[in-house]
């Protein structure tokens, strides 16, 4: 255990075992009390507001909000 090191995100596709480690497709945010905070992309922000998507995400960034 003493020779462990953190795996870089770009190396995650090379991890084998139960399957590849999925990469989060989007980085989203909500404004809560006028402060921008990270938020999961598949959940509404407080008040039912759709979360914003951070610039620089993959153009294929796709997520489904609950109905």
PDB file of N, CA and C in Angstrom:
ATOM      1  N   UNK A   1       0.817  -1.200   0.000  1.00  0.00           N
ATOM      2  CA  UNK A   1       0.000   0.000   0.000  1.00  0.00           C
ATOM      3  C   UNK A   1       0.861   1.265   0.000  1.00  0.00           C
ATOM      4  N   UNK A   2       2.112   1.178   0.408  1.00  0.00           N
ATOM      5  CA  UNK A   2       2.921   2.383   0.494  1.00  0.00           C
ATOM      6  C   UNK A   2       3.394   2.882  -0.869  1.00  0.00           C
ATOM      7  N   UNK A   3       3.263   2.066  -1.916  1.00  0.00           N
ATOM      8  CA  UNK A   3       3.698   2.475  -3.252  1.00  0.00           C
ATOM      9  C   UNK A   3       2.538   2.925  -4.133  1.00  0.00           C
ATOM     10  N   UNK A   4       1.417   3.281  -3.525  1.00  0.00           N
ATOM     11  CA  UNK A   4       0.251   3.721  -4.293  1.00  0.00           C
ATOM     12  C   UNK A   4       0.455   5.123  -4.825  1.00  0.00           C
ATOM     13  N   UNK A   5      -0.158   5.403  -5.971  1.00  0.00           N
ATOM     14  CA  UNK A   5      -0.145   6.764  -6.499  1.00  0.00           C
ATOM     15  C   UNK A   5      -1.484   7.038  -7.165  1.00  0.00           C
ATOM     16  N   UNK A   6      -1.866   8.266  -7.192  1.00  0.00           N
ATOM     17  CA  UNK A   6      -3.144   8.674  -7.764  1.00  0.00           C
ATOM     18  C   UNK A   6      -3.097   8.526  -9.281  1.00  0.00           C
ATOM     19  N   UNK A   7      -4.180   7.991  -9.858  1.00  0.00           N
ATOM     20  CA  UNK A   7      -4.277   7.828 -11.308  1.00  0.00           C
ATOM     21  C   UNK A   7      -4.772   9.131 -11.910  1.00  0.00           C
ATOM     22  N   UNK A   8      -4.101   9.590 -12.965  1.00  0.00           N
ATOM     23  CA  UNK A   8      -4.537  10.802 -13.658  1.00  0.00           C
ATOM     24  C   UNK A   8      -5.810  10.506 -14.441  1.00  0.00           C
ATOM     25  N   UNK A   9      -6.675  11.509 -14.588  1.00  0.00           N
ATOM     26  CA  UNK A   9      -7.939  11.322 -15.294  1.00  0.00           C
ATOM     27  C   UNK A   9      -7.721  10.782 -16.702  1.00  0.00           C
ATOM     28  N   UNK A  10      -6.706  11.274 -17.406  1.00  0.00           N
ATOM     29  CA  UNK A  10      -6.487  10.823 -18.781  1.00  0.00           C
ATOM     30  C   UNK A  10      -6.051   9.364 -18.839  1.00  0.00           C
ATOM     31  N   UNK A  11      -5.618   8.800 -17.712  1.00  0.00           N
ATOM     32  CA  UNK A  11      -5.205   7.397 -17.671  1.00  0.00           C
ATOM     33  C   UNK A  11      -6.340   6.466 -17.264  1.00  0.00           C
ATOM     34  N   UNK A  12      -7.485   7.011 -16.872  1.00  0.00           N
ATOM     35  CA  UNK A  12      -8.584   6.173 -16.402  1.00  0.00           C
ATOM     36  C   UNK A  12      -9.066   5.199 -17.468  1.00  0.00           C
ATOM     37  N   UNK A  13      -8.960   5.569 -18.749  1.00  0.00           N
ATOM     38  CA  UNK A  13      -9.425   4.673 -19.812  1.00  0.00           C
ATOM     39  C   UNK A  13      -8.573   3.411 -19.889  1.00  0.00           C
ATOM     40  N   UNK A  14      -7.429   3.392 -19.233  1.00  0.00           N
ATOM     41  CA  UNK A  14      -6.552   2.230 -19.245  1.00  0.00           C
ATOM     42  C   UNK A  14      -6.767   1.328 -18.030  1.00  0.00           C
ATOM     43  N   UNK A  15      -7.721   1.669 -17.160  1.00  0.00           N
ATOM     44  CA  UNK A  15      -7.989   0.870 -15.972  1.00  0.00           C
ATOM     45  C   UNK A  15      -8.833  -0.334 -16.380  1.00  0.00           C
ATOM     46  N   UNK A  16      -8.415  -1.517 -15.958  1.00  0.00           N
ATOM     47  CA  UNK A  16      -9.146  -2.739 -16.282  1.00  0.00           C
ATOM     48  C   UNK A  16      -9.665  -3.367 -15.006  1.00  0.00           C
ATOM     49  N   UNK A  17     -10.669  -4.203 -15.143  1.00  0.00           N
ATOM     50  CA  UNK A  17     -11.268  -4.870 -13.995  1.00  0.00           C
ATOM     51  C   UNK A  17     -12.726  -5.088 -14.305  1.00  0.00           C
ATOM     52  N   UNK A  18     -13.600  -4.450 -13.545  1.00  0.00           N
ATOM     53  CA  UNK A  18     -15.034  -4.593 -13.769  1.00  0.00           C
ATOM     54  C   UNK A  18     -15.481  -3.845 -15.011  1.00  0.00           C
ATOM     55  N   UNK A  19     -14.649  -3.013 -15.557  1.00  0.00           N
ATOM     56  CA  UNK A  19     -14.996  -2.237 -16.743  1.00  0.00           C
ATOM     57  C   UNK A  19     -14.338  -0.885 -16.660  1.00  0.00           C
ATOM     58  N   UNK A  20     -14.425  -0.113 -17.729  1.00  0.00           N
ATOM     59  CA  UNK A  20     -13.802   1.211 -17.707  1.00  0.00           C
ATOM     60  C   UNK A  20     -14.478   2.127 -16.697  1.00  0.00           C
ATOM     61  N   UNK A  21     -13.713   3.020 -16.141  1.00  0.00           N
ATOM     62  CA  UNK A  21     -14.257   3.998 -15.201  1.00  0.00           C
ATOM     63  C   UNK A  21     -14.908   5.105 -16.013  1.00  0.00           C
ATOM     64  N   UNK A  22     -16.215   5.335 -15.844  1.00  0.00           N
ATOM     65  CA  UNK A  22     -16.871   6.362 -16.651  1.00  0.00           C
ATOM     66  C   UNK A  22     -16.383   7.760 -16.275  1.00  0.00           C
ATOM     67  N   UNK A  23     -16.191   8.595 -17.269  1.00  0.00           N
ATOM     68  CA  UNK A  23     -15.807   9.981 -17.044  1.00  0.00           C
ATOM     69  C   UNK A  23     -17.078  10.818 -16.996  1.00  0.00           C
ATOM     70  N   UNK A  24     -17.163  11.700 -16.035  1.00  0.00           N
ATOM     71  CA  UNK A  24     -18.338  12.561 -15.921  1.00  0.00           C
ATOM     72  C   UNK A  24     -18.429  13.408 -17.183  1.00  0.00           C
ATOM     73  N   UNK A  25     -19.570  13.366 -17.892  1.00  0.00           N
ATOM     74  CA  UNK A  25     -19.648  14.051 -19.178  1.00  0.00           C
ATOM     75  C   UNK A  25     -19.741  15.569 -19.084  1.00  0.00           C
ATOM     76  N   UNK A  26     -20.195  16.100 -17.983  1.00  0.00           N
ATOM     77  CA  UNK A  26     -20.431  17.541 -17.908  1.00  0.00           C
ATOM     78  C   UNK A  26     -20.048  18.080 -16.528  1.00  0.00           C
ATOM     79  N   UNK A  27     -19.690  19.332 -16.493  1.00  0.00           N
ATOM     80  CA  UNK A  27     -19.527  20.061 -15.236  1.00  0.00           C
ATOM     81  C   UNK A  27     -20.592  21.140 -15.222  1.00  0.00           C
ATOM     82  N   UNK A  28     -21.453  21.084 -14.229  1.00  0.00           N
ATOM     83  CA  UNK A  28     -22.564  22.037 -14.152  1.00  0.00           C
ATOM     84  C   UNK A  28     -22.506  22.829 -12.846  1.00  0.00           C
ATOM     85  N   UNK A  29     -23.318  23.875 -12.785  1.00  0.00           N
ATOM     86  CA  UNK A  29     -23.317  24.733 -11.603  1.00  0.00           C
ATOM     87  C   UNK A  29     -24.694  25.333 -11.380  1.00  0.00           C
ATOM     88  N   UNK A  30     -24.897  25.773 -10.147  1.00  0.00           N
ATOM     89  CA  UNK A  30     -26.090  26.520  -9.751  1.00  0.00           C
ATOM     90  C   UNK A  30     -25.623  27.771  -9.018  1.00  0.00           C
ATOM     91  N   UNK A  31     -26.458  28.790  -9.040  1.00  0.00           N
ATOM     92  CA  UNK A  31     -26.222  29.956  -8.200  1.00  0.00           C
ATOM     93  C   UNK A  31     -27.102  29.804  -6.969  1.00  0.00           C
ATOM     94  N   UNK A  32     -26.463  29.698  -5.804  1.00  0.00           N
ATOM     95  CA  UNK A  32     -27.179  29.570  -4.544  1.00  0.00           C
ATOM     96  C   UNK A  32     -26.769  30.753  -3.683  1.00  0.00           C
ATOM     97  N   UNK A  33     -27.740  31.608  -3.368  1.00  0.00           N
ATOM     98  CA  UNK A  33     -27.469  32.859  -2.636  1.00  0.00           C
ATOM     99  C   UNK A  33     -26.405  33.688  -3.354  1.00  0.00           C
ATOM    100  N   UNK A  34     -26.541  33.821  -4.662  1.00  0.00           N
ATOM    101  CA  UNK A  34     -25.635  34.605  -5.515  1.00  0.00           C
ATOM    102  C   UNK A  34     -24.209  34.065  -5.547  1.00  0.00           C
ATOM    103  N   UNK A  35     -24.006  32.813  -5.135  1.00  0.00           N
ATOM    104  CA  UNK A  35     -22.688  32.182  -5.178  1.00  0.00           C
ATOM    105  C   UNK A  35     -22.759  31.005  -6.141  1.00  0.00           C
ATOM    106  N   UNK A  36     -21.845  30.974  -7.120  1.00  0.00           N
ATOM    107  CA  UNK A  36     -21.818  29.870  -8.069  1.00  0.00           C
ATOM    108  C   UNK A  36     -21.234  28.641  -7.384  1.00  0.00           C
ATOM    109  N   UNK A  37     -21.990  27.527  -7.413  1.00  0.00           N
ATOM    110  CA  UNK A  37     -21.548  26.294  -6.776  1.00  0.00           C
ATOM    111  C   UNK A  37     -21.704  25.134  -7.740  1.00  0.00           C
ATOM    112  N   UNK A  38     -20.792  24.148  -7.660  1.00  0.00           N
ATOM    113  CA  UNK A  38     -20.899  22.962  -8.493  1.00  0.00           C
ATOM    114  C   UNK A  38     -22.214  22.264  -8.198  1.00  0.00           C
ATOM    115  N   UNK A  39     -22.806  21.665  -9.229  1.00  0.00           N
ATOM    116  CA  UNK A  39     -24.052  20.939  -9.074  1.00  0.00           C
ATOM    117  C   UNK A  39     -24.066  19.772 -10.042  1.00  0.00           C
ATOM    118  N   UNK A  40     -24.693  18.650  -9.682  1.00  0.00           N
ATOM    119  CA  UNK A  40     -24.835  17.573 -10.648  1.00  0.00           C
ATOM    120  C   UNK A  40     -25.692  18.052 -11.814  1.00  0.00           C
ATOM    121  N   UNK A  41     -25.349  17.634 -13.008  1.00  0.00           N
ATOM    122  CA  UNK A  41     -26.063  18.108 -14.197  1.00  0.00           C
ATOM    123  C   UNK A  41     -27.458  17.508 -14.327  1.00  0.00           C
ATOM    124  N   UNK A  42     -27.711  16.385 -13.654  1.00  0.00           N
ATOM    125  CA  UNK A  42     -29.006  15.722 -13.807  1.00  0.00           C
ATOM    126  C   UNK A  42     -29.975  16.054 -12.678  1.00  0.00           C
ATOM    127  N   UNK A  43     -29.733  17.152 -11.975  1.00  0.00           N
ATOM    128  CA  UNK A  43     -30.652  17.607 -10.917  1.00  0.00           C
ATOM    129  C   UNK A  43     -30.922  19.090 -11.084  1.00  0.00           C
ATOM    130  N   UNK A  44     -32.137  19.483 -10.743  1.00  0.00           N
ATOM    131  CA  UNK A  44     -32.479  20.899 -10.798  1.00  0.00           C
ATOM    132  C   UNK A  44     -31.806  21.654  -9.654  1.00  0.00           C
ATOM    133  N   UNK A  45     -31.532  22.904  -9.890  1.00  0.00           N
ATOM    134  CA  UNK A  45     -31.030  23.790  -8.839  1.00  0.00           C
ATOM    135  C   UNK A  45     -32.196  24.166  -7.929  1.00  0.00           C
ATOM    136  N   UNK A  46     -31.917  24.749  -6.762  1.00  0.00           N
ATOM    137  CA  UNK A  46     -33.002  25.201  -5.893  1.00  0.00           C
ATOM    138  C   UNK A  46     -33.981  26.096  -6.655  1.00  0.00           C
ATOM    139  N   UNK A  47     -35.252  25.904  -6.393  1.00  0.00           N
ATOM    140  CA  UNK A  47     -36.281  26.684  -7.071  1.00  0.00           C
ATOM    141  C   UNK A  47     -36.657  26.111  -8.430  1.00  0.00           C
ATOM    142  N   UNK A  48     -36.140  24.917  -8.769  1.00  0.00           N
ATOM    143  CA  UNK A  48     -36.482  24.288 -10.040  1.00  0.00           C
ATOM    144  C   UNK A  48     -35.755  24.860 -11.240  1.00  0.00           C
ATOM    145  N   UNK A  49     -34.653  25.562 -11.009  1.00  0.00           N
ATOM    146  CA  UNK A  49     -33.885  26.181 -12.090  1.00  0.00           C
ATOM    147  C   UNK A  49     -32.979  25.130 -12.733  1.00  0.00           C
ATOM    148  N   UNK A  50     -32.878  25.155 -14.068  1.00  0.00           N
ATOM    149  CA  UNK A  50     -31.998  24.243 -14.789  1.00  0.00           C
ATOM    150  C   UNK A  50     -30.554  24.664 -14.537  1.00  0.00           C
ATOM    151  N   UNK A  51     -29.657  23.714 -14.216  1.00  0.00           N
ATOM    152  CA  UNK A  51     -28.267  24.079 -13.938  1.00  0.00           C
ATOM    153  C   UNK A  51     -27.551  24.600 -15.174  1.00  0.00           C
ATOM    154  N   UNK A  52     -26.587  25.486 -14.962  1.00  0.00           N
ATOM    155  CA  UNK A  52     -25.753  25.978 -16.050  1.00  0.00           C
ATOM    156  C   UNK A  52     -24.640  24.982 -16.339  1.00  0.00           C
ATOM    157  N   UNK A  53     -24.132  24.985 -17.568  1.00  0.00           N
ATOM    158  CA  UNK A  53     -23.046  24.091 -17.963  1.00  0.00           C
ATOM    159  C   UNK A  53     -21.768  24.915 -18.069  1.00  0.00           C
ATOM    160  N   UNK A  54     -20.718  24.446 -17.413  1.00  0.00           N
ATOM    161  CA  UNK A  54     -19.440  25.156 -17.419  1.00  0.00           C
ATOM    162  C   UNK A  54     -18.872  25.259 -18.831  1.00  0.00           C
ATOM    163  N   UNK A  55     -18.251  26.389 -19.176  1.00  0.00           N
ATOM    164  CA  UNK A  55     -17.595  26.490 -20.481  1.00  0.00           C
ATOM    165  C   UNK A  55     -16.435  25.500 -20.563  1.00  0.00           C
ATOM    166  N   UNK A  56     -16.157  25.036 -21.769  1.00  0.00           N
ATOM    167  CA  UNK A  56     -15.058  24.106 -21.973  1.00  0.00           C
ATOM    168  C   UNK A  56     -15.461  22.651 -21.916  1.00  0.00           C
ATOM    169  N   UNK A  57     -16.752  22.365 -21.686  1.00  0.00           N
ATOM    170  CA  UNK A  57     -17.207  20.981 -21.711  1.00  0.00           C
ATOM    171  C   UNK A  57     -17.216  20.462 -23.139  1.00  0.00           C
ATOM    172  N   UNK A  58     -17.173  19.157 -23.266  1.00  0.00           N
ATOM    173  CA  UNK A  58     -17.265  18.513 -24.570  1.00  0.00           C
ATOM    174  C   UNK A  58     -18.581  18.931 -25.225  1.00  0.00           C
ATOM    175  N   UNK A  59     -18.569  19.265 -26.522  1.00  0.00           N
ATOM    176  CA  UNK A  59     -19.819  19.651 -27.192  1.00  0.00           C
ATOM    177  C   UNK A  59     -20.877  18.556 -27.149  1.00  0.00           C
ATOM    178  N   UNK A  60     -20.467  17.318 -26.939  1.00  0.00           N
ATOM    179  CA  UNK A  60     -21.415  16.207 -26.870  1.00  0.00           C
ATOM    180  C   UNK A  60     -21.938  16.008 -25.451  1.00  0.00           C
ATOM    181  N   UNK A  61     -21.639  16.936 -24.552  1.00  0.00           N
ATOM    182  CA  UNK A  61     -22.109  16.868 -23.174  1.00  0.00           C
ATOM    183  C   UNK A  61     -23.620  16.678 -23.202  1.00  0.00           C
ATOM    184  N   UNK A  62     -24.100  15.622 -22.590  1.00  0.00           N
ATOM    185  CA  UNK A  62     -25.523  15.310 -22.657  1.00  0.00           C
ATOM    186  C   UNK A  62     -25.970  14.772 -21.304  1.00  0.00           C
ATOM    187  N   UNK A  63     -27.078  15.217 -20.840  1.00  0.00           N
ATOM    188  CA  UNK A  63     -27.644  14.705 -19.609  1.00  0.00           C
ATOM    189  C   UNK A  63     -29.147  14.887 -19.657  1.00  0.00           C
ATOM    190  N   UNK A  64     -29.854  14.106 -18.858  1.00  0.00           N
ATOM    191  CA  UNK A  64     -31.310  14.151 -18.836  1.00  0.00           C
ATOM    192  C   UNK A  64     -31.764  14.583 -17.452  1.00  0.00           C
ATOM    193  N   UNK A  65     -32.558  15.624 -17.408  1.00  0.00           N
ATOM    194  CA  UNK A  65     -33.132  16.065 -16.136  1.00  0.00           C
ATOM    195  C   UNK A  65     -34.367  15.230 -15.830  1.00  0.00           C
ATOM    196  N   UNK A  66     -34.698  15.028 -14.557  1.00  0.00           N
ATOM    197  CA  UNK A  66     -35.899  14.261 -14.222  1.00  0.00           C
ATOM    198  C   UNK A  66     -37.152  14.955 -14.732  1.00  0.00           C
ATOM    199  N   UNK A  67     -38.137  14.157 -15.080  1.00  0.00           N
ATOM    200  CA  UNK A  67     -39.408  14.704 -15.610  1.00  0.00           C
ATOM    201  C   UNK A  67     -40.242  15.315 -14.521  1.00  0.00           C
TER     202      UNK A  67
END
